[in-house]
C-alpha cells in the first residue's frame, strides 16, 4: 500500500510539474494567500539527501514556535499554517514545488527556503507572483540587485570573511598570517573566496591556497595534501556542515597543524559530532546566538522547545536560524495588521529598524534595503560538551 501511495505521489508531482512548467501561465490574479482564519506559508527545504538535517531543523520550528503562536490565538486573529515541501537541493524540483505550493495552496509567502542556488532559481517566479520570501541562505544575490519581495537576514559570505580577518589581525594580533580557504564551487563559496581576497588585500596579507570542492563531495584528501604543502596559519571554510569538519579530520591524519575558522554554514551540532577531537579549538563565526548563551531569546526558545518538542535535546544553529527567520515573519505580519495583504506585509517589514529578534544582532530593512543583518560573533568549539563558546560580542566588518 505504501509503495503504491508513494508511486502515486511521485506521479502527481510529475504531472503537476509538467503542467506548470510547460503551460507557461501565470498564477497572478485575485489570489490573496490568506483567509479570515489563517495565513498559509510555504517552506521549501531539503528533507532528503546530504543536507536533510537542515530541513529537519527547519521543520521543528513549525512544531514548536508556530504551534506556540497558534495556541495563543495566532497573529491578528489568524493562525499560521506551515506547508513544507522537499526540494532535495535540486533546482528543477525547487521550482516545481514552489509552483505547486502557489497553485495548490495559494501560499501567502515563502519562509526558510534553504540554500542560495535554490532561492536564486525562484527569483523570476517570486517577482512575477509578488510573493514575499524570507530565505535561509547567506548569499548577497538575495539583495543585489534589489528585489522587493526577498528579505534576507543572514551574514553574507563577504562580511563573514572580513569579520574573521579583522579578528585575526586586530584581536589575535597575528603578524603576517598565511591564509587559505576551502570553499564550495557555488555562488556562496565563491562569495566567501572573493570576500577573503578583498580582506587580505586590504590588510596586505597573503592567501597561500584556495582549495575548492563540489557540493555533495565528502572526501577531501587531495585538498588536505595541497593545503599542507601551502603551510597556512589559518584555513577558512566556505560551505556547509560538515565539510570543514571532514577536512579537519583529514588534516589530523596527515599532520597538518593549523587554525581552522568555520563560516556560518559550517557551524552546527552535526559538525561538532563529526569533527571529534580534530575539531577542538576551531574558531567559528555566527550571525546567531548559540545554545550555551544565557540570553532572553535563547531562553525563550528553550522553554518553548521543552514544551512542544522535548525529544529535541540539542539546539542546532540551523534550528535557531529557522526560528529567528520565523520571528521576523511574525513581526511583519503583526505590523501589517488585520487588513493583511502581501504588499502591506512588504511595507511592514520595511519598517523594521534595529529590530531585536533575541537571537541575532539588530535587524534593519527599508524601502531600498533587503540586507537585514551585518554583524556576527566569534566562537570557539568545545568538543567535549558539543557546544560553541562565544569569545566576542557582535562585530561588523571593517570594510
Foldseek 3Di string as FASTA:
>chain_A
DVVVVVVVVVVVLVVLLCCVVPVPDAPDDPQFCDDQAAHEEEEEEACDDPPNVLVVLLVVCCQFVLVVCVVVQHAQNYGYDYDYDHQNPPQSSLVSVVVVCCVVPVHQAYAAHDDDVNVVSCLVNCQRRVHAYEYDYAFCVQPVPHDLRYFYEFAALLFQLLVVVCCCCPVVVDDQFAEEEEAEPDRRRVSNVVSNVVNCVVVVHHHQYYHYDYPPDLDCLVVLVVVQVSLGQEYEYGYAPQNVLSSLVSNVVVVRDHAYEYEQRNAWLRNLVSNAPSQAFHKYKGQWDACPDDFPLNVVVVVSCCVRPVVDPGNIVSSVSSNLSVVLQSQLSNQLHSPDGSVSSSQSSQPQDQDCSRIGGGFHHHPSGRHGDFWIFMWTADSVVSITHTDDDIDGRPD
